[in-house]
């Protein structure tokens, strides 16, 4: 090997890691009642560098249809960052929050929450997102397990699960007596406020 020649590694070096290029920061603010003010959220979002802020007034976080959020989602482009003052301004639940952040990530859009200091454009923020997803899955498993356990306990107590029958035992007995006496199914079903199909099904079970 020529000592005068510069050393060249046979293993290619990885490309330099560069931070994502952020195009715009778009804010979203929401209050649950018309009497509440958005000033605090607007001040925080402007301080975070938001160029445009979309809002929903008088809309609870449990409501799925939020026009302001829908407009914000449509305006976002790859490289943009959606900024909220606090996580509960965006998601109706932990599961909904994870789904929304997942959709943003799939579109190449970042997410930032000012209060919780979450920023998915950073490795730490993306790790936190994965942790939230794991917690949401754990929460779903707990709910499923509790539901199954509750149903099993109810069956053990003799509780009949599902919708109550439309015809009580007394009405069913009366329906059977009248149809056997020659009355039409249509007339009996109409008197008891059920469909002919429902009456037929109940009589067959009887």
Protein backbone atom coordinates (compact mmCIF):
# COMPACT_ATOMS: atom_id res chain seq x y z
CA UNK A 1 0.00 0.00 0.00
CA UNK A 2 1.32 3.40 -1.00
CA UNK A 3 1.70 5.52 2.11
CA UNK A 4 1.22 8.62 -0.01
CA UNK A 5 -2.26 7.55 -1.10
CA UNK A 6 -5.24 8.56 1.12
CA UNK A 7 -6.89 5.70 2.97
CA UNK A 8 -10.16 4.47 1.38
CA UNK A 9 -12.46 2.17 3.33
CA UNK A 10 -14.03 -0.77 1.51
CA UNK A 11 -17.22 -0.24 3.58
CA UNK A 12 -19.33 2.69 2.36
CA UNK A 13 -20.13 5.25 5.01
CA UNK A 14 -23.80 5.89 5.80
CA UNK A 15 -25.22 9.12 4.44
CA UNK A 16 -25.22 12.04 6.85
CA UNK A 17 -28.36 12.23 8.89
CA UNK A 18 -30.12 15.50 8.26
CA UNK A 19 -33.08 16.90 10.16
CA UNK A 20 -36.31 16.92 8.14
CA UNK A 21 -36.98 20.06 6.17
CA UNK A 22 -40.03 21.69 7.70
CA UNK A 23 -42.10 23.66 5.21
CA UNK A 24 -44.86 25.13 7.37
CA UNK A 25 -46.26 24.90 10.87
CA UNK A 26 -50.04 24.78 10.83
CA UNK A 27 -51.91 25.19 14.10
CA UNK A 28 -55.20 23.75 15.31
CA UNK A 29 -57.15 25.13 18.28
CA UNK A 30 -60.44 24.00 19.83
CA UNK A 31 -62.73 24.98 22.68
CA UNK A 32 -65.77 22.99 23.82
CA UNK A 33 -68.17 25.89 24.38
CA UNK A 34 -68.82 29.21 22.68
CA UNK A 35 -68.12 31.02 25.98
CA UNK A 36 -64.53 29.79 26.17
CA UNK A 37 -61.74 31.80 24.59
CA UNK A 38 -59.01 30.69 22.20
CA UNK A 39 -56.56 33.44 23.14
CA UNK A 40 -54.27 31.18 25.19
CA UNK A 41 -54.06 28.57 22.44
CA UNK A 42 -53.54 31.20 19.72
CA UNK A 43 -50.69 32.82 21.67
CA UNK A 44 -48.98 29.46 22.19
CA UNK A 45 -49.41 28.40 18.55
CA UNK A 46 -48.09 31.71 17.22
CA UNK A 47 -45.11 31.48 19.58
CA UNK A 48 -44.48 27.97 18.16
CA UNK A 49 -44.18 29.50 14.69
CA UNK A 50 -47.57 28.64 13.17
CA UNK A 51 -48.30 30.53 9.97
CA UNK A 52 -51.93 29.47 9.76
CA UNK A 53 -54.28 28.43 12.58
CA UNK A 54 -57.55 26.54 12.11
CA UNK A 55 -60.12 26.44 14.88
CA UNK A 56 -63.29 24.78 16.14
CA UNK A 57 -65.50 26.64 18.61
CA UNK A 58 -68.24 25.08 20.72
CA UNK A 59 -67.33 21.52 19.68
CA UNK A 60 -66.62 18.84 22.26
CA UNK A 61 -63.56 16.66 21.88
CA UNK A 62 -65.88 13.63 21.75
CA UNK A 63 -67.44 14.86 18.50
CA UNK A 64 -66.04 13.22 15.38
CA UNK A 65 -67.15 15.91 12.89
CA UNK A 66 -64.93 18.94 13.42
CA UNK A 67 -64.89 21.30 10.40
CA UNK A 68 -61.81 23.23 11.51
CA UNK A 69 -59.75 20.08 12.01
CA UNK A 70 -60.95 18.75 8.66
CA UNK A 71 -59.75 21.95 6.93
CA UNK A 72 -56.42 21.75 8.73
CA UNK A 73 -55.91 18.14 7.65
CA UNK A 74 -56.70 19.05 4.03
CA UNK A 75 -54.23 21.96 4.10
CA UNK A 76 -51.30 19.89 5.36
CA UNK A 77 -48.63 18.92 2.84
CA UNK A 78 -45.60 16.59 3.18
CA UNK A 79 -43.00 18.34 5.30
CA UNK A 80 -45.56 20.41 7.21
CA UNK A 81 -46.09 20.10 10.97
CA UNK A 82 -49.49 20.16 12.68
CA UNK A 83 -49.20 21.95 16.02
CA UNK A 84 -51.69 21.86 18.89
CA UNK A 85 -51.56 23.50 22.29
CA UNK A 86 -52.35 20.24 24.11
CA UNK A 87 -52.99 16.63 23.07
CA UNK A 88 -56.65 16.67 24.12
CA UNK A 89 -57.30 19.45 21.60
CA UNK A 90 -56.72 16.93 18.82
CA UNK A 91 -57.84 13.45 19.90
CA UNK A 92 -61.22 12.23 21.18
CA UNK A 93 -59.50 9.33 22.90
CA UNK A 94 -56.07 7.76 23.10
CA UNK A 95 -56.94 5.43 20.24
CA UNK A 96 -58.26 8.27 18.07
CA UNK A 97 -55.15 10.32 18.84
CA UNK A 98 -52.87 7.48 17.75
CA UNK A 99 -54.87 6.93 14.55
CA UNK A 100 -54.72 10.64 13.67
CA UNK A 101 -50.99 10.88 14.32
CA UNK A 102 -50.46 7.69 12.31
CA UNK A 103 -52.30 9.21 9.33
CA UNK A 104 -50.13 12.32 9.59
CA UNK A 105 -46.96 10.24 9.70
CA UNK A 106 -48.05 8.24 6.64
CA UNK A 107 -48.49 11.51 4.72
CA UNK A 108 -45.04 12.75 5.73
CA UNK A 109 -46.54 15.33 8.09
CA UNK A 110 -45.06 15.98 11.53
CA UNK A 111 -46.93 16.62 14.75
CA UNK A 112 -46.14 18.78 17.75
CA UNK A 113 -47.92 19.34 21.06
CA UNK A 114 -46.74 22.45 22.89
CA UNK A 115 -47.76 21.54 26.44
CA UNK A 116 -46.54 17.94 26.38
CA UNK A 117 -43.43 18.91 24.35
CA UNK A 118 -44.01 16.12 21.84
CA UNK A 119 -42.46 16.56 18.40
CA UNK A 120 -42.60 13.64 15.95
CA UNK A 121 -40.03 15.28 13.67
CA UNK A 122 -37.43 14.21 16.25
CA UNK A 123 -36.34 10.64 17.13
CA UNK A 124 -37.52 11.13 20.73
CA UNK A 125 -40.94 12.27 19.52
CA UNK A 126 -41.34 9.28 17.20
CA UNK A 127 -40.36 6.97 20.06
CA UNK A 128 -43.02 8.59 22.24
CA UNK A 129 -45.56 7.98 19.47
CA UNK A 130 -44.70 4.26 19.46
CA UNK A 131 -45.11 4.21 23.24
CA UNK A 132 -48.55 5.79 22.95
CA UNK A 133 -49.55 3.20 20.35
CA UNK A 134 -48.47 0.40 22.70
CA UNK A 135 -50.49 1.94 25.54
CA UNK A 136 -53.54 2.24 23.29
CA UNK A 137 -53.29 -1.44 22.35
CA UNK A 138 -52.91 -2.36 26.04
CA UNK A 139 -56.02 -0.29 26.83
CA UNK A 140 -58.03 -2.10 24.11
CA UNK A 141 -56.94 -5.49 25.48
CA UNK A 142 -58.03 -4.51 29.00
CA UNK A 143 -61.43 -3.39 27.73
CA UNK A 144 -61.91 -6.62 25.77
CA UNK A 145 -60.91 -8.73 28.79
CA UNK A 146 -63.24 -6.84 31.12
CA UNK A 147 -66.10 -7.16 28.64
CA UNK A 148 -65.60 -10.92 28.26
CA UNK A 149 -65.34 -11.39 32.02
CA UNK A 150 -68.50 -9.36 32.60
CA UNK A 151 -70.47 -11.35 30.01
CA UNK A 152 -69.28 -14.66 31.48
CA UNK A 153 -70.29 -13.56 34.99
CA UNK A 154 -73.71 -12.45 33.72
CA UNK A 155 -74.31 -15.79 31.99
CA UNK A 156 -73.31 -17.61 35.19
CA UNK A 157 -75.99 -15.63 37.04
CA UNK A 158 -78.56 -16.64 34.44
CA UNK A 159 -78.77 -13.22 32.81
CA UNK A 160 -79.89 -13.36 29.19
CA UNK A 161 -77.60 -11.20 27.05
CA UNK A 162 -78.59 -9.33 23.94
CA UNK A 163 -81.66 -7.30 23.07
CA UNK A 164 -84.85 -8.11 25.00
CA UNK A 165 -87.51 -9.98 22.99
CA UNK A 166 -90.13 -7.80 21.32
CA UNK A 167 -92.90 -10.13 22.48
CA UNK A 168 -93.24 -10.88 26.18
CA UNK A 169 -94.14 -14.47 27.21
CA UNK A 170 -97.76 -13.39 27.83
CA UNK A 171 -98.03 -11.73 24.42
CA UNK A 172 -96.45 -14.73 22.77
CA UNK A 173 -98.95 -17.07 24.43
CA UNK A 174 -101.80 -14.85 23.30
CA UNK A 175 -100.39 -14.69 19.76
CA UNK A 176 -100.18 -18.49 19.63
CA UNK A 177 -103.76 -18.86 20.87
CA UNK A 178 -105.13 -16.40 18.31
CA UNK A 179 -103.23 -17.83 15.33
CA UNK A 180 -104.32 -21.36 16.25
CA UNK A 181 -107.89 -20.04 16.40
CA UNK A 182 -107.58 -18.97 12.78
CA UNK A 183 -106.57 -15.30 12.93
CA UNK A 184 -104.07 -14.15 10.33
CA UNK A 185 -100.47 -13.52 11.24
CA UNK A 186 -100.77 -10.02 9.81
CA UNK A 187 -103.64 -9.08 12.14
CA UNK A 188 -101.95 -10.47 15.25
CA UNK A 189 -98.61 -8.87 14.42
CA UNK A 190 -100.29 -5.52 13.84
CA UNK A 191 -102.08 -5.67 17.22
CA UNK A 192 -98.83 -6.31 19.07
CA UNK A 193 -96.78 -3.78 17.07
CA UNK A 194 -94.31 -6.22 15.52
CA UNK A 195 -93.59 -7.36 11.99
CA UNK A 196 -94.94 -10.62 10.60
CA UNK A 197 -91.37 -11.92 10.31
CA UNK A 198 -90.75 -11.22 14.01
CA UNK A 199 -93.99 -12.95 14.98
CA UNK A 200 -93.18 -16.00 12.85
CA UNK A 201 -89.71 -16.25 14.35
CA UNK A 202 -91.07 -16.01 17.90
CA UNK A 203 -93.75 -18.65 17.25
CA UNK A 204 -91.15 -21.02 15.81
CA UNK A 205 -88.96 -20.64 18.89
CA UNK A 206 -92.04 -21.24 21.07
